[in-house]
Amino acid sequence: MAERTRDSFPLRMTAEEYLAFDAAAPEGEKYEFFDGLVVPRHGYDDRGVAMAGASPDHNQIAANITAALHAEASRRGCRSGASDQRVRSFGASYTYPDVVLVCGTPDYSGDNPAVLENPTLLVEIASGSTESADRGRKLTAYTALASVREYWIVAADTPEVTTYVRAGDAWRIGRVAGKGAVLRCETLNLDVPLAAVYALVDVPDDADPYA
């Protein structure tokens, strides 16, 4: 197996090696896997060094989204989780989405930690070190998973959310921006104000029109 170092990303290994690699990671470290490529959960800089972790604002946004969905999700029998729930998506991809919702009976693998195989709604909070993956290989992997109905990409530094909603065999792409806007969760038939998504986070009231 590839030697674990913090200055050699990305790494290449088999899925079996990755599962052992991730299970042996020190507390607080998480790694994701895309068809033989292992990357740190929060990305790496241009020197290949793993980012230490999510920012306080990133964590606050994730907590806000989880809180906004929780009551209606529970009422409908849907389970919500944060970034410690590993998900297996299309092909040989293992990720730790920032927010996970599964409606119906969850299907877990026997791995350690267990892997959720049938998520319904996935949310990634895009920062400078993760945005290309969130809008690239994760978008491809998540939208190819049959159980996924919605995927949200939430900007970390401006009040803006890009949504992908399954519409039959296609995907409907949307964008909501500005703290006065409302984010529609089709899975839960629920409206979520962006003011709630970005509560306690220092972002402008309106999204950057050039972003």
C-alpha atoms as a PDB file:
ATOM      1  CA  MET A   1       0.000   0.000   0.000  1.00  0.00           C
ATOM      2  CA  ALA A   2       1.093   3.580  -0.606  1.00  0.00           C
ATOM      3  CA  GLU A   3       2.886   5.145   2.313  1.00  0.00           C
ATOM      4  CA  ARG A   4       0.792   7.637   4.261  1.00  0.00           C
ATOM      5  CA  THR A   5       2.272  11.123   4.086  1.00  0.00           C
ATOM      6  CA  ARG A   6       0.679  14.587   4.164  1.00  0.00           C
ATOM      7  CA  ASP A   7       2.759  15.919   1.294  1.00  0.00           C
ATOM      8  CA  SER A   8       2.259  13.404  -1.496  1.00  0.00           C
ATOM      9  CA  PHE A   9      -1.309  13.884  -2.692  1.00  0.00           C
ATOM     10  CA  PRO A  10      -2.954  12.705  -4.800  1.00  0.00           C
ATOM     11  CA  LEU A  11      -2.159   9.047  -4.107  1.00  0.00           C
ATOM     12  CA  ARG A  12      -3.050   6.032  -6.196  1.00  0.00           C
ATOM     13  CA  MET A  13      -4.182   2.696  -4.770  1.00  0.00           C
ATOM     14  CA  THR A  14      -6.891   0.061  -5.079  1.00  0.00           C
ATOM     15  CA  ALA A  15     -10.318   0.411  -3.470  1.00  0.00           C
ATOM     16  CA  GLU A  16      -9.378  -2.229  -0.885  1.00  0.00           C
ATOM     17  CA  GLU A  17      -6.188  -0.360  -0.028  1.00  0.00           C
ATOM     18  CA  TYR A  18      -8.112   2.895   0.236  1.00  0.00           C
ATOM     19  CA  LEU A  19     -10.633   1.440   2.710  1.00  0.00           C
ATOM     20  CA  ALA A  20      -7.785   0.267   4.950  1.00  0.00           C
ATOM     21  CA  PHE A  21      -5.944   3.585   4.489  1.00  0.00           C
ATOM     22  CA  ASP A  22      -9.003   5.616   5.476  1.00  0.00           C
ATOM     23  CA  ALA A  23      -9.874   3.380   8.429  1.00  0.00           C
ATOM     24  CA  ALA A  24      -6.338   3.823   9.813  1.00  0.00           C
ATOM     25  CA  ALA A  25      -6.381   7.634   9.487  1.00  0.00           C
ATOM     26  CA  PRO A  26      -5.852   9.630  12.685  1.00  0.00           C
ATOM     27  CA  GLU A  27      -8.999  11.061  14.252  1.00  0.00           C
ATOM     28  CA  GLY A  28     -10.208  14.063  12.290  1.00  0.00           C
ATOM     29  CA  GLU A  29      -8.576  13.027   9.003  1.00  0.00           C
ATOM     30  CA  LYS A  30     -10.779  11.777   6.173  1.00  0.00           C
ATOM     31  CA  TYR A  31      -9.883  10.758   2.648  1.00  0.00           C
ATOM     32  CA  GLU A  32     -11.965  10.280  -0.474  1.00  0.00           C
ATOM     33  CA  PHE A  33     -11.488   7.898  -3.376  1.00  0.00           C
ATOM     34  CA  PHE A  34     -12.219   8.319  -7.084  1.00  0.00           C
ATOM     35  CA  ASP A  35     -11.356   5.402  -9.372  1.00  0.00           C
ATOM     36  CA  GLY A  36      -7.942   4.729  -7.868  1.00  0.00           C
ATOM     37  CA  LEU A  37      -7.197   8.311  -6.799  1.00  0.00           C
ATOM     38  CA  VAL A  38      -7.076   9.196  -3.087  1.00  0.00           C
ATOM     39  CA  VAL A  39      -7.452  12.829  -2.005  1.00  0.00           C
ATOM     40  CA  PRO A  40      -7.929  14.502   1.385  1.00  0.00           C
ATOM     41  CA  ARG A  41     -11.560  15.329   2.233  1.00  0.00           C
ATOM     42  CA  HIS A  42     -10.859  19.084   2.239  1.00  0.00           C
ATOM     43  CA  GLY A  43      -8.554  19.077  -0.773  1.00  0.00           C
ATOM     44  CA  TYR A  44      -4.881  19.921  -1.037  1.00  0.00           C
ATOM     45  CA  ASP A  45      -2.885  22.974  -1.994  1.00  0.00           C
ATOM     46  CA  ASP A  46      -0.759  23.499  -5.097  1.00  0.00           C
ATOM     47  CA  ARG A  47       2.162  21.744  -3.354  1.00  0.00           C
ATOM     48  CA  GLY A  48       0.094  18.592  -2.839  1.00  0.00           C
ATOM     49  CA  VAL A  49      -0.177  19.178   0.926  1.00  0.00           C
ATOM     50  CA  ALA A  50      -3.490  18.192   2.534  1.00  0.00           C
ATOM     51  CA  MET A  51      -5.664  21.002   3.849  1.00  0.00           C
ATOM     52  CA  ALA A  52      -5.993  20.766   7.615  1.00  0.00           C
ATOM     53  CA  GLY A  53      -9.795  20.835   7.723  1.00  0.00           C
ATOM     54  CA  ALA A  54     -12.938  22.819   7.124  1.00  0.00           C
ATOM     55  CA  SER A  55     -13.214  26.470   8.129  1.00  0.00           C
ATOM     56  CA  PRO A  56     -15.559  27.559  10.956  1.00  0.00           C
ATOM     57  CA  ASP A  57     -17.899  29.139   8.369  1.00  0.00           C
ATOM     58  CA  HIS A  58     -17.960  25.888   6.387  1.00  0.00           C
ATOM     59  CA  ASN A  59     -18.939  23.977   9.524  1.00  0.00           C
ATOM     60  CA  GLN A  60     -21.582  26.555  10.436  1.00  0.00           C
ATOM     61  CA  ILE A  61     -23.213  26.338   7.000  1.00  0.00           C
ATOM     62  CA  ALA A  62     -23.321  22.539   7.239  1.00  0.00           C
ATOM     63  CA  ALA A  63     -24.901  22.769  10.694  1.00  0.00           C
ATOM     64  CA  ASN A  64     -27.433  25.329   9.450  1.00  0.00           C
ATOM     65  CA  ILE A  65     -28.517  23.128   6.545  1.00  0.00           C
ATOM     66  CA  THR A  66     -28.833  20.068   8.766  1.00  0.00           C
ATOM     67  CA  ALA A  67     -30.929  22.039  11.259  1.00  0.00           C
ATOM     68  CA  ALA A  68     -33.156  23.473   8.501  1.00  0.00           C
ATOM     69  CA  LEU A  69     -33.920  20.006   7.115  1.00  0.00           C
ATOM     70  CA  HIS A  70     -34.083  18.026  10.340  1.00  0.00           C
ATOM     71  CA  ALA A  71     -37.691  18.467  11.501  1.00  0.00           C
ATOM     72  CA  GLU A  72     -39.300  17.769   8.113  1.00  0.00           C
ATOM     73  CA  ALA A  73     -36.832  14.971   7.365  1.00  0.00           C
ATOM     74  CA  SER A  74     -37.679  13.256  10.652  1.00  0.00           C
ATOM     75  CA  ARG A  75     -41.408  13.677  10.028  1.00  0.00           C
ATOM     76  CA  ARG A  76     -41.022  11.936   6.684  1.00  0.00           C
ATOM     77  CA  GLY A  77     -38.814   9.166   8.059  1.00  0.00           C
ATOM     78  CA  CYS A  78     -35.656  10.466   6.382  1.00  0.00           C
ATOM     79  CA  ARG A  79     -32.313  10.313   8.164  1.00  0.00           C
ATOM     80  CA  SER A  80     -29.840  13.168   7.987  1.00  0.00           C
ATOM     81  CA  GLY A  81     -26.114  13.084   8.593  1.00  0.00           C
ATOM     82  CA  ALA A  82     -23.089  15.323   8.438  1.00  0.00           C
ATOM     83  CA  SER A  83     -19.600  14.884   7.016  1.00  0.00           C
ATOM     84  CA  ASP A  84     -18.695  11.762   9.010  1.00  0.00           C
ATOM     85  CA  GLN A  85     -21.000   9.589   6.870  1.00  0.00           C
ATOM     86  CA  ARG A  86     -19.068   7.973   4.050  1.00  0.00           C
ATOM     87  CA  VAL A  87     -21.017   7.375   0.828  1.00  0.00           C
ATOM     88  CA  ARG A  88     -20.310   5.038  -2.053  1.00  0.00           C
ATOM     89  CA  SER A  89     -21.429   6.558  -5.316  1.00  0.00           C
ATOM     90  CA  PHE A  90     -21.222   5.559  -8.949  1.00  0.00           C
ATOM     91  CA  GLY A  91     -18.340   3.263  -9.820  1.00  0.00           C
ATOM     92  CA  ALA A  92     -15.483   3.063  -7.354  1.00  0.00           C
ATOM     93  CA  SER A  93     -16.048   6.374  -5.577  1.00  0.00           C
ATOM     94  CA  TYR A  94     -16.124   6.935  -1.815  1.00  0.00           C
ATOM     95  CA  THR A  95     -16.828  10.392  -0.437  1.00  0.00           C
ATOM     96  CA  TYR A  96     -17.777  12.245   2.737  1.00  0.00           C
ATOM     97  CA  PRO A  97     -20.474  14.761   1.688  1.00  0.00           C
ATOM     98  CA  ASP A  98     -21.003  17.736   3.982  1.00  0.00           C
ATOM     99  CA  VAL A  99     -24.683  16.854   4.457  1.00  0.00           C
ATOM    100  CA  VAL A 100     -26.408  13.568   3.615  1.00  0.00           C
ATOM    101  CA  LEU A 101     -30.109  12.735   3.602  1.00  0.00           C
ATOM    102  CA  VAL A 102     -31.488   9.250   3.026  1.00  0.00           C
ATOM    103  CA  CYS A 103     -35.220   8.598   2.720  1.00  0.00           C
ATOM    104  CA  GLY A 104     -36.480   5.071   3.100  1.00  0.00           C
ATOM    105  CA  THR A 105     -34.432   2.194   4.475  1.00  0.00           C
ATOM    106  CA  PRO A 106     -30.719   3.036   4.445  1.00  0.00           C
ATOM    107  CA  ASP A 107     -28.456   0.515   2.761  1.00  0.00           C
ATOM    108  CA  TYR A 108     -25.082   0.253   4.508  1.00  0.00           C
ATOM    109  CA  SER A 109     -22.044  -1.804   3.572  1.00  0.00           C
ATOM    110  CA  GLY A 110     -20.145  -3.889   6.079  1.00  0.00           C
ATOM    111  CA  ASP A 111     -17.027  -1.718   5.875  1.00  0.00           C
ATOM    112  CA  ASN A 112     -15.505   0.111   8.821  1.00  0.00           C
ATOM    113  CA  PRO A 113     -16.776   2.756   8.977  1.00  0.00           C
ATOM    114  CA  ALA A 114     -20.004   1.679   7.284  1.00  0.00           C
ATOM    115  CA  VAL A 115     -20.682   3.115   3.836  1.00  0.00           C
ATOM    116  CA  LEU A 116     -24.118   4.439   2.846  1.00  0.00           C
ATOM    117  CA  GLU A 117     -25.022   3.201  -0.621  1.00  0.00           C
ATOM    118  CA  ASN A 118     -28.426   4.815  -1.270  1.00  0.00           C
ATOM    119  CA  PRO A 119     -28.364   8.534  -0.340  1.00  0.00           C
ATOM    120  CA  THR A 120     -31.264  10.704  -1.474  1.00  0.00           C
ATOM    121  CA  LEU A 121     -29.944  14.266  -1.093  1.00  0.00           C
ATOM    122  CA  LEU A 122     -26.260  15.213  -1.036  1.00  0.00           C
ATOM    123  CA  VAL A 123     -24.789  18.610  -0.186  1.00  0.00           C
ATOM    124  CA  GLU A 124     -21.250  19.873  -0.693  1.00  0.00           C
ATOM    125  CA  ILE A 125     -20.041  23.253   0.581  1.00  0.00           C
ATOM    126  CA  ALA A 126     -17.651  24.548  -2.050  1.00  0.00           C
ATOM    127  CA  SER A 127     -14.460  26.290  -0.960  1.00  0.00           C
ATOM    128  CA  GLY A 128     -11.403  27.250  -2.981  1.00  0.00           C
ATOM    129  CA  SER A 129      -9.717  23.899  -2.400  1.00  0.00           C
ATOM    130  CA  THR A 130     -12.772  21.727  -3.140  1.00  0.00           C
ATOM    131  CA  GLU A 131     -14.903  23.582  -5.693  1.00  0.00           C
ATOM    132  CA  SER A 132     -13.420  21.952  -8.793  1.00  0.00           C
ATOM    133  CA  ALA A 133     -14.097  18.496  -7.347  1.00  0.00           C
ATOM    134  CA  ASP A 134     -17.578  19.463  -6.126  1.00  0.00           C
ATOM    135  CA  ARG A 135     -18.527  20.715  -9.599  1.00  0.00           C
ATOM    136  CA  GLY A 136     -16.568  18.042 -11.450  1.00  0.00           C
ATOM    137  CA  ARG A 137     -15.940  14.475 -10.373  1.00  0.00           C
ATOM    138  CA  LYS A 138     -18.426  14.614  -7.467  1.00  0.00           C
ATOM    139  CA  LEU A 139     -21.162  15.989  -9.686  1.00  0.00           C
ATOM    140  CA  THR A 140     -20.516  13.157 -12.140  1.00  0.00           C
ATOM    141  CA  ALA A 141     -20.454  10.491  -9.424  1.00  0.00           C
ATOM    142  CA  TYR A 142     -23.481  11.739  -7.495  1.00  0.00           C
ATOM    143  CA  THR A 143     -25.790  12.279 -10.458  1.00  0.00           C
ATOM    144  CA  ALA A 144     -24.984   8.799 -11.764  1.00  0.00           C
ATOM    145  CA  LEU A 145     -26.197   7.183  -8.518  1.00  0.00           C
ATOM    146  CA  ALA A 146     -29.785   5.966  -9.017  1.00  0.00           C
ATOM    147  CA  SER A 147     -30.945   6.786  -5.474  1.00  0.00           C
ATOM    148  CA  VAL A 148     -29.898  10.451  -5.590  1.00  0.00           C
ATOM    149  CA  ARG A 149     -32.755  12.891  -6.223  1.00  0.00           C
ATOM    150  CA  GLU A 150     -30.940  16.120  -5.439  1.00  0.00           C
ATOM    151  CA  TYR A 151     -27.403  17.477  -5.235  1.00  0.00           C
ATOM    152  CA  TRP A 152     -26.656  20.953  -3.857  1.00  0.00           C
ATOM    153  CA  ILE A 153     -23.409  22.881  -4.209  1.00  0.00           C
ATOM    154  CA  VAL A 154     -23.387  25.610  -1.578  1.00  0.00           C
ATOM    155  CA  ALA A 155     -20.892  28.457  -1.933  1.00  0.00           C
ATOM    156  CA  ALA A 156     -18.910  29.062   1.247  1.00  0.00           C
ATOM    157  CA  ASP A 157     -18.135  32.751   0.721  1.00  0.00           C
ATOM    158  CA  THR A 158     -21.231  34.141  -0.999  1.00  0.00           C
ATOM    159  CA  PRO A 159     -24.953  33.399  -0.569  1.00  0.00           C
ATOM    160  CA  GLU A 160     -25.448  31.131  -3.565  1.00  0.00           C
ATOM    161  CA  VAL A 161     -26.578  27.543  -4.070  1.00  0.00           C
ATOM    162  CA  THR A 162     -26.516  25.537  -7.300  1.00  0.00           C
ATOM    163  CA  THR A 163     -29.034  22.703  -7.356  1.00  0.00           C
ATOM    164  CA  TYR A 164     -29.322  19.570  -9.461  1.00  0.00           C
ATOM    165  CA  VAL A 165     -32.756  17.929  -9.256  1.00  0.00           C
ATOM    166  CA  ARG A 166     -33.566  14.647 -10.960  1.00  0.00           C
ATOM    167  CA  ALA A 167     -36.355  14.980 -13.529  1.00  0.00           C
ATOM    168  CA  GLY A 168     -36.919  11.528 -15.006  1.00  0.00           C
ATOM    169  CA  ASP A 169     -33.795  10.610 -16.950  1.00  0.00           C
ATOM    170  CA  ALA A 170     -32.467  14.178 -16.923  1.00  0.00           C
ATOM    171  CA  TRP A 171     -31.357  16.731 -14.352  1.00  0.00           C
ATOM    172  CA  ARG A 172     -32.848  20.171 -13.803  1.00  0.00           C
ATOM    173  CA  ILE A 173     -30.173  22.716 -12.880  1.00  0.00           C
ATOM    174  CA  GLY A 174     -31.063  25.730 -10.761  1.00  0.00           C
ATOM    175  CA  ARG A 175     -29.387  28.583  -8.936  1.00  0.00           C
ATOM    176  CA  VAL A 176     -30.606  30.691  -6.028  1.00  0.00           C
ATOM    177  CA  ALA A 177     -28.626  33.644  -4.755  1.00  0.00           C
ATOM    178  CA  GLY A 178     -28.860  36.376  -2.154  1.00  0.00           C
ATOM    179  CA  LYS A 179     -29.890  36.115   1.480  1.00  0.00           C
ATOM    180  CA  GLY A 180     -33.448  37.056   0.524  1.00  0.00           C
ATOM    181  CA  ALA A 181     -33.779  34.043  -1.790  1.00  0.00           C
ATOM    182  CA  VAL A 182     -35.438  30.748  -0.923  1.00  0.00           C
ATOM    183  CA  LEU A 183     -33.944  27.319  -1.621  1.00  0.00           C
ATOM    184  CA  ARG A 184     -36.466  24.659  -2.579  1.00  0.00           C
ATOM    185  CA  CYS A 185     -35.852  21.133  -1.267  1.00  0.00           C
ATOM    186  CA  GLU A 186     -37.867  18.976  -3.647  1.00  0.00           C
ATOM    187  CA  THR A 187     -37.149  15.803  -1.681  1.00  0.00           C
ATOM    188  CA  LEU A 188     -38.893  17.159   1.415  1.00  0.00           C
ATOM    189  CA  ASN A 189     -41.286  19.584  -0.320  1.00  0.00           C
ATOM    190  CA  LEU A 190     -39.686  22.250   1.863  1.00  0.00           C
ATOM    191  CA  ASP A 191     -38.604  25.856   1.357  1.00  0.00           C
ATOM    192  CA  VAL A 192     -35.344  26.876   3.052  1.00  0.00           C
ATOM    193  CA  PRO A 193     -34.481  30.599   3.218  1.00  0.00           C
ATOM    194  CA  LEU A 194     -30.877  31.303   2.281  1.00  0.00           C
ATOM    195  CA  ALA A 195     -30.815  33.584   5.327  1.00  0.00           C
ATOM    196  CA  ALA A 196     -31.128  30.395   7.401  1.00  0.00           C
ATOM    197  CA  VAL A 197     -28.442  28.587   5.380  1.00  0.00           C
ATOM    198  CA  TYR A 198     -25.960  31.417   6.035  1.00  0.00           C
ATOM    199  CA  ALA A 199     -27.040  32.324   9.573  1.00  0.00           C
ATOM    200  CA  LEU A 200     -24.060  33.412  11.730  1.00  0.00           C
ATOM    201  CA  VAL A 201     -21.803  33.382   8.646  1.00  0.00           C
ATOM    202  CA  ASP A 202     -20.135  36.578   7.446  1.00  0.00           C
ATOM    203  CA  VAL A 203     -21.136  36.709   3.774  1.00  0.00           C
ATOM    204  CA  PRO A 204     -22.589  39.625   1.765  1.00  0.00           C
ATOM    205  CA  ASP A 205     -26.356  39.928   1.424  1.00  0.00           C
ATOM    206  CA  ASP A 206     -26.151  39.358  -2.338  1.00  0.00           C
ATOM    207  CA  ALA A 207     -24.114  36.912  -4.410  1.00  0.00           C
ATOM    208  CA  ASP A 208     -21.212  38.080  -6.551  1.00  0.00           C
ATOM    209  CA  PRO A 209     -22.791  38.615 -10.018  1.00  0.00           C
ATOM    210  CA  TYR A 210     -19.458  37.735 -11.692  1.00  0.00           C
ATOM    211  CA  ALA A 211     -18.892  34.487  -9.796  1.00  0.00           C
END
